[in-house]
């Protein structure tokens, strides 16, 4: 039996597009998370925790130069 054209067509993948990156898992104290959430709420676009951490790391690294 021949396979149908629909089954042999390449399916698109779901989820985020591939990005050259590595995942980093971080354990934070409740106090640090509270401070992070307070900082997030001061941002106009209310970033999620991962994005807030990325932004704060970038700010910290720029300030170090």
N, C-alpha and C. Protein backbone atom coordinates (compact mmCIF):
# COMPACT_ATOMS: atom_id res chain seq x y z
N UNK A 1 0.84 -1.18 0.00
CA UNK A 1 0.00 0.00 0.00
C UNK A 1 0.89 1.25 0.00
N UNK A 2 0.55 2.21 -0.82
CA UNK A 2 1.30 3.46 -0.90
C UNK A 2 0.95 4.38 0.26
N UNK A 3 1.96 5.10 0.76
CA UNK A 3 1.65 6.07 1.82
C UNK A 3 1.03 7.30 1.19
N UNK A 4 0.13 7.90 1.90
CA UNK A 4 -0.55 9.08 1.37
C UNK A 4 0.39 10.28 1.39
N UNK A 5 0.08 11.27 0.59
CA UNK A 5 0.89 12.49 0.51
C UNK A 5 0.86 13.23 1.84
N UNK A 6 -0.25 13.17 2.53
CA UNK A 6 -0.39 13.88 3.80
C UNK A 6 0.57 13.30 4.83
N UNK A 7 0.67 11.98 4.91
CA UNK A 7 1.53 11.35 5.90
C UNK A 7 3.01 11.54 5.59
N UNK A 8 3.36 11.67 4.32
CA UNK A 8 4.77 11.80 3.98
C UNK A 8 5.23 13.26 3.98
N UNK A 9 4.30 14.19 4.11
CA UNK A 9 4.68 15.61 4.15
C UNK A 9 5.40 15.91 5.46
N UNK A 10 6.38 16.80 5.38
CA UNK A 10 7.14 17.17 6.58
C UNK A 10 6.26 18.02 7.48
N UNK A 11 6.15 17.60 8.74
CA UNK A 11 5.32 18.33 9.69
C UNK A 11 6.15 19.38 10.40
N UNK A 12 5.53 20.52 10.68
CA UNK A 12 6.24 21.56 11.41
C UNK A 12 6.28 21.19 12.88
N UNK A 13 7.34 21.62 13.55
CA UNK A 13 7.50 21.33 14.97
C UNK A 13 6.77 22.36 15.80
N UNK A 14 6.32 21.95 16.94
CA UNK A 14 5.66 22.85 17.87
C UNK A 14 6.67 23.41 18.85
N UNK A 15 6.26 24.47 19.53
CA UNK A 15 7.10 25.02 20.59
C UNK A 15 8.01 26.13 20.10
N UNK A 16 8.95 26.48 20.98
CA UNK A 16 9.87 27.56 20.68
C UNK A 16 10.81 27.17 19.55
N UNK A 17 11.22 28.14 18.75
CA UNK A 17 12.20 27.85 17.72
C UNK A 17 13.55 27.52 18.36
N UNK A 18 14.35 26.75 17.67
CA UNK A 18 15.66 26.37 18.20
C UNK A 18 16.54 27.60 18.36
N UNK A 19 17.23 27.67 19.48
CA UNK A 19 18.13 28.77 19.78
C UNK A 19 19.42 28.17 20.32
N UNK A 20 20.55 28.73 19.91
CA UNK A 20 21.82 28.23 20.43
C UNK A 20 21.96 28.72 21.87
N UNK A 21 21.69 27.83 22.82
CA UNK A 21 21.74 28.21 24.23
C UNK A 21 21.84 26.96 25.10
N UNK A 22 22.11 27.17 26.36
CA UNK A 22 22.13 26.11 27.36
C UNK A 22 21.18 26.49 28.48
N UNK A 23 20.49 25.52 29.02
CA UNK A 23 19.60 25.76 30.15
C UNK A 23 20.42 25.84 31.43
N UNK A 24 20.02 26.74 32.32
CA UNK A 24 20.68 26.89 33.62
C UNK A 24 19.59 26.85 34.68
N UNK A 25 19.69 25.90 35.59
CA UNK A 25 18.72 25.81 36.68
C UNK A 25 19.32 26.49 37.91
N UNK A 26 18.54 27.33 38.54
CA UNK A 26 19.02 28.10 39.68
C UNK A 26 18.06 27.92 40.85
N UNK A 27 18.60 27.63 42.02
CA UNK A 27 17.80 27.56 43.23
C UNK A 27 17.96 28.89 43.96
N UNK A 28 16.84 29.52 44.31
CA UNK A 28 16.89 30.82 44.97
C UNK A 28 16.09 30.77 46.26
N UNK A 29 16.52 31.57 47.23
CA UNK A 29 15.79 31.64 48.49
C UNK A 29 14.44 32.33 48.26
N UNK A 30 13.53 32.12 49.17
CA UNK A 30 12.22 32.78 49.10
C UNK A 30 12.39 34.29 49.10
N UNK A 31 13.33 34.78 49.91
CA UNK A 31 13.60 36.22 49.98
C UNK A 31 14.09 36.76 48.63
N UNK A 32 15.00 36.02 47.98
CA UNK A 32 15.52 36.44 46.68
C UNK A 32 14.40 36.43 45.63
N UNK A 33 13.52 35.44 45.68
CA UNK A 33 12.40 35.38 44.74
C UNK A 33 11.43 36.54 44.98
N UNK A 34 11.23 36.89 46.24
CA UNK A 34 10.37 38.03 46.55
C UNK A 34 10.96 39.30 45.96
N UNK A 35 12.28 39.49 46.13
CA UNK A 35 12.95 40.66 45.56
C UNK A 35 12.86 40.65 44.03
N UNK A 36 13.04 39.48 43.44
CA UNK A 36 12.93 39.35 41.98
C UNK A 36 11.53 39.72 41.52
N UNK A 37 10.51 39.19 42.19
CA UNK A 37 9.13 39.48 41.81
C UNK A 37 8.80 40.97 42.00
N UNK A 38 9.34 41.58 43.05
CA UNK A 38 9.14 43.03 43.25
C UNK A 38 9.76 43.81 42.09
N UNK A 39 10.96 43.40 41.66
CA UNK A 39 11.63 44.08 40.54
C UNK A 39 10.82 43.89 39.26
N UNK A 40 10.32 42.67 39.03
CA UNK A 40 9.51 42.37 37.83
C UNK A 40 8.29 43.28 37.76
N UNK A 41 7.64 43.49 38.89
CA UNK A 41 6.40 44.29 38.91
C UNK A 41 6.66 45.76 38.59
N UNK A 42 7.90 46.20 38.74
CA UNK A 42 8.24 47.59 38.42
C UNK A 42 8.49 47.79 36.92
N UNK A 43 8.61 46.68 36.17
CA UNK A 43 8.86 46.77 34.73
C UNK A 43 7.53 46.97 34.00
N UNK A 44 7.57 47.74 32.93
CA UNK A 44 6.34 48.05 32.18
C UNK A 44 5.66 46.81 31.60
N UNK A 45 6.46 45.84 31.15
CA UNK A 45 5.88 44.68 30.47
C UNK A 45 5.75 43.44 31.35
N UNK A 46 6.05 43.54 32.65
CA UNK A 46 5.97 42.43 33.61
C UNK A 46 6.55 41.14 33.02
N UNK A 47 7.88 41.09 32.91
CA UNK A 47 8.50 39.88 32.36
C UNK A 47 8.33 38.69 33.30
N UNK A 48 8.39 37.50 32.75
CA UNK A 48 8.37 36.30 33.57
C UNK A 48 9.68 36.20 34.34
N UNK A 49 9.74 35.29 35.26
CA UNK A 49 10.95 35.14 36.07
C UNK A 49 12.20 34.86 35.23
N UNK A 50 12.13 33.93 34.26
CA UNK A 50 13.34 33.68 33.46
C UNK A 50 13.83 34.92 32.72
N UNK A 51 12.91 35.66 32.12
CA UNK A 51 13.29 36.88 31.40
C UNK A 51 13.82 37.93 32.37
N UNK A 52 13.23 38.04 33.54
CA UNK A 52 13.71 39.00 34.54
C UNK A 52 15.13 38.65 34.96
N UNK A 53 15.41 37.38 35.15
CA UNK A 53 16.76 36.96 35.52
C UNK A 53 17.74 37.28 34.40
N UNK A 54 17.36 37.02 33.14
CA UNK A 54 18.23 37.35 32.01
C UNK A 54 18.53 38.84 31.99
N UNK A 55 17.51 39.67 32.19
CA UNK A 55 17.71 41.12 32.16
C UNK A 55 18.62 41.58 33.30
N UNK A 56 18.41 41.04 34.49
CA UNK A 56 19.22 41.44 35.63
C UNK A 56 20.68 40.99 35.47
N UNK A 57 20.90 39.83 34.90
CA UNK A 57 22.27 39.38 34.64
C UNK A 57 22.93 40.32 33.63
N UNK A 58 22.20 40.69 32.58
CA UNK A 58 22.74 41.62 31.59
C UNK A 58 23.08 42.96 32.22
N UNK A 59 22.18 43.48 33.07
CA UNK A 59 22.44 44.75 33.76
C UNK A 59 23.68 44.62 34.65
N UNK A 60 23.78 43.53 35.37
CA UNK A 60 24.92 43.31 36.25
C UNK A 60 26.23 43.21 35.49
N UNK A 61 26.21 42.54 34.36
CA UNK A 61 27.43 42.39 33.58
C UNK A 61 27.84 43.70 32.92
N UNK A 62 26.88 44.50 32.49
CA UNK A 62 27.20 45.81 31.91
C UNK A 62 27.78 46.73 32.97
N UNK A 63 27.26 46.67 34.18
CA UNK A 63 27.74 47.52 35.27
C UNK A 63 29.13 47.15 35.73
N UNK A 64 29.53 45.92 35.48
CA UNK A 64 30.84 45.44 35.91
C UNK A 64 31.96 45.98 35.04
N UNK A 65 31.65 46.39 33.80
CA UNK A 65 32.68 46.84 32.84
C UNK A 65 33.22 48.18 33.17
